[in-house]
């Protein structure tokens, strides 16, 4: 990589299963850290009282905008559609 090269960060959309059985969808550019943050109570307000969370699904994107657009689309899905996306019935 040359000095003028732009560092490419991978962006992720993810679905976690919360301790109460609900699903939460988000996006990040550091998946491992984000899941840890959720479990440390530093993630989203929604997951703070529903710990621990378990990563169920993720997709990779080149840009933040692509990831955010996909996150929005997934959040519009109902529970059954999310289960199909994850690939199993919860």
C-alpha atoms as a PDB file:
ATOM      1  CA  UNK A   1       0.000   0.000   0.000  1.00  0.00           C
ATOM      2  CA  UNK A   2       1.438   3.389  -0.928  1.00  0.00           C
ATOM      3  CA  UNK A   3       1.388   6.457   1.295  1.00  0.00           C
ATOM      4  CA  UNK A   4      -1.367   7.983  -0.848  1.00  0.00           C
ATOM      5  CA  UNK A   5      -3.597   4.914  -0.678  1.00  0.00           C
ATOM      6  CA  UNK A   6      -6.860   5.293   1.115  1.00  0.00           C
ATOM      7  CA  UNK A   7      -7.326   2.832   3.965  1.00  0.00           C
ATOM      8  CA  UNK A   8     -10.330   0.691   3.170  1.00  0.00           C
ATOM      9  CA  UNK A   9     -12.462  -0.218   6.151  1.00  0.00           C
ATOM     10  CA  UNK A  10     -14.941  -3.019   5.916  1.00  0.00           C
ATOM     11  CA  UNK A  11     -18.410  -2.034   7.046  1.00  0.00           C
ATOM     12  CA  UNK A  12     -20.805  -4.557   8.506  1.00  0.00           C
ATOM     13  CA  UNK A  13     -24.521  -4.920   9.039  1.00  0.00           C
ATOM     14  CA  UNK A  14     -25.268  -7.375  11.788  1.00  0.00           C
ATOM     15  CA  UNK A  15     -28.102  -9.009  13.677  1.00  0.00           C
ATOM     16  CA  UNK A  16     -27.700 -10.067  17.282  1.00  0.00           C
ATOM     17  CA  UNK A  17     -30.041 -12.154  19.361  1.00  0.00           C
ATOM     18  CA  UNK A  18     -30.629 -10.564  22.751  1.00  0.00           C
ATOM     19  CA  UNK A  19     -30.981 -12.476  26.005  1.00  0.00           C
ATOM     20  CA  UNK A  20     -34.769 -11.951  25.903  1.00  0.00           C
ATOM     21  CA  UNK A  21     -34.966 -13.567  22.446  1.00  0.00           C
ATOM     22  CA  UNK A  22     -35.455 -10.338  20.498  1.00  0.00           C
ATOM     23  CA  UNK A  23     -33.325  -9.428  17.492  1.00  0.00           C
ATOM     24  CA  UNK A  24     -31.354  -6.197  17.111  1.00  0.00           C
ATOM     25  CA  UNK A  25     -29.905  -4.946  13.819  1.00  0.00           C
ATOM     26  CA  UNK A  26     -27.055  -2.455  13.552  1.00  0.00           C
ATOM     27  CA  UNK A  27     -24.019  -1.472  11.494  1.00  0.00           C
ATOM     28  CA  UNK A  28     -20.363  -0.951  12.361  1.00  0.00           C
ATOM     29  CA  UNK A  29     -16.887  -0.860  10.872  1.00  0.00           C
ATOM     30  CA  UNK A  30     -15.475  -3.026  13.688  1.00  0.00           C
ATOM     31  CA  UNK A  31     -17.742  -6.007  14.258  1.00  0.00           C
ATOM     32  CA  UNK A  32     -15.783  -7.684  17.045  1.00  0.00           C
ATOM     33  CA  UNK A  33     -15.540  -4.453  19.064  1.00  0.00           C
ATOM     34  CA  UNK A  34     -19.205  -3.625  18.503  1.00  0.00           C
ATOM     35  CA  UNK A  35     -20.418  -6.989  19.814  1.00  0.00           C
ATOM     36  CA  UNK A  36     -18.111  -6.590  22.833  1.00  0.00           C
ATOM     37  CA  UNK A  37     -19.499  -3.072  23.380  1.00  0.00           C
ATOM     38  CA  UNK A  38     -23.059  -4.414  23.319  1.00  0.00           C
ATOM     39  CA  UNK A  39     -22.154  -7.042  25.898  1.00  0.00           C
ATOM     40  CA  UNK A  40     -20.318  -4.501  28.060  1.00  0.00           C
ATOM     41  CA  UNK A  41     -23.424  -2.289  28.144  1.00  0.00           C
ATOM     42  CA  UNK A  42     -21.808   0.348  25.893  1.00  0.00           C
ATOM     43  CA  UNK A  43     -23.728  -0.553  22.754  1.00  0.00           C
ATOM     44  CA  UNK A  44     -27.199   0.581  21.813  1.00  0.00           C
ATOM     45  CA  UNK A  45     -29.709   1.600  24.452  1.00  0.00           C
ATOM     46  CA  UNK A  46     -31.940  -1.256  23.256  1.00  0.00           C
ATOM     47  CA  UNK A  47     -29.380  -3.971  23.984  1.00  0.00           C
ATOM     48  CA  UNK A  48     -28.143  -2.519  27.281  1.00  0.00           C
ATOM     49  CA  UNK A  49     -30.895  -4.191  29.319  1.00  0.00           C
ATOM     50  CA  UNK A  50     -31.029  -7.296  27.103  1.00  0.00           C
ATOM     51  CA  UNK A  51     -27.505  -8.655  27.560  1.00  0.00           C
ATOM     52  CA  UNK A  52     -25.781 -10.806  26.692  1.00  0.00           C
ATOM     53  CA  UNK A  53     -26.201 -10.629  22.950  1.00  0.00           C
ATOM     54  CA  UNK A  54     -25.041 -13.257  20.463  1.00  0.00           C
ATOM     55  CA  UNK A  55     -24.054 -12.493  16.886  1.00  0.00           C
ATOM     56  CA  UNK A  56     -26.463 -14.334  14.590  1.00  0.00           C
ATOM     57  CA  UNK A  57     -25.768 -12.823  11.166  1.00  0.00           C
ATOM     58  CA  UNK A  58     -23.646 -10.270   9.335  1.00  0.00           C
ATOM     59  CA  UNK A  59     -22.979  -8.908   5.856  1.00  0.00           C
ATOM     60  CA  UNK A  60     -19.902  -6.997   4.617  1.00  0.00           C
ATOM     61  CA  UNK A  61     -19.924  -3.760   2.612  1.00  0.00           C
ATOM     62  CA  UNK A  62     -17.258  -1.480   1.175  1.00  0.00           C
ATOM     63  CA  UNK A  63     -18.918   1.777   2.203  1.00  0.00           C
ATOM     64  CA  UNK A  64     -20.677   3.094   5.272  1.00  0.00           C
ATOM     65  CA  UNK A  65     -23.541   4.254   3.086  1.00  0.00           C
ATOM     66  CA  UNK A  66     -24.123   0.751   1.686  1.00  0.00           C
ATOM     67  CA  UNK A  67     -24.103  -0.716   5.184  1.00  0.00           C
ATOM     68  CA  UNK A  68     -26.493   1.912   6.532  1.00  0.00           C
ATOM     69  CA  UNK A  69     -28.854   1.409   3.597  1.00  0.00           C
ATOM     70  CA  UNK A  70     -28.894  -2.351   4.169  1.00  0.00           C
ATOM     71  CA  UNK A  71     -29.402  -1.853   7.917  1.00  0.00           C
ATOM     72  CA  UNK A  72     -32.463   0.271   7.160  1.00  0.00           C
ATOM     73  CA  UNK A  73     -33.840  -2.400   4.819  1.00  0.00           C
ATOM     74  CA  UNK A  74     -33.337  -5.168   7.379  1.00  0.00           C
ATOM     75  CA  UNK A  75     -34.953  -3.117  10.137  1.00  0.00           C
ATOM     76  CA  UNK A  76     -38.092  -2.896   7.985  1.00  0.00           C
ATOM     77  CA  UNK A  77     -38.363  -6.705   7.840  1.00  0.00           C
ATOM     78  CA  UNK A  78     -40.664  -8.523  10.233  1.00  0.00           C
ATOM     79  CA  UNK A  79     -39.389 -11.181  12.642  1.00  0.00           C
ATOM     80  CA  UNK A  80     -40.152 -14.103  10.324  1.00  0.00           C
ATOM     81  CA  UNK A  81     -38.336 -12.430   7.419  1.00  0.00           C
ATOM     82  CA  UNK A  82     -35.297 -11.800   9.667  1.00  0.00           C
ATOM     83  CA  UNK A  83     -35.322 -15.456  10.715  1.00  0.00           C
ATOM     84  CA  UNK A  84     -35.297 -16.488   7.046  1.00  0.00           C
ATOM     85  CA  UNK A  85     -32.373 -14.089   6.448  1.00  0.00           C
ATOM     86  CA  UNK A  86     -30.476 -15.569   9.379  1.00  0.00           C
ATOM     87  CA  UNK A  87     -31.218 -18.984   7.940  1.00  0.00           C
ATOM     88  CA  UNK A  88     -33.009 -20.617  10.799  1.00  0.00           C
ATOM     89  CA  UNK A  89     -36.068 -20.425  12.995  1.00  0.00           C
ATOM     90  CA  UNK A  90     -35.363 -19.027  16.412  1.00  0.00           C
END
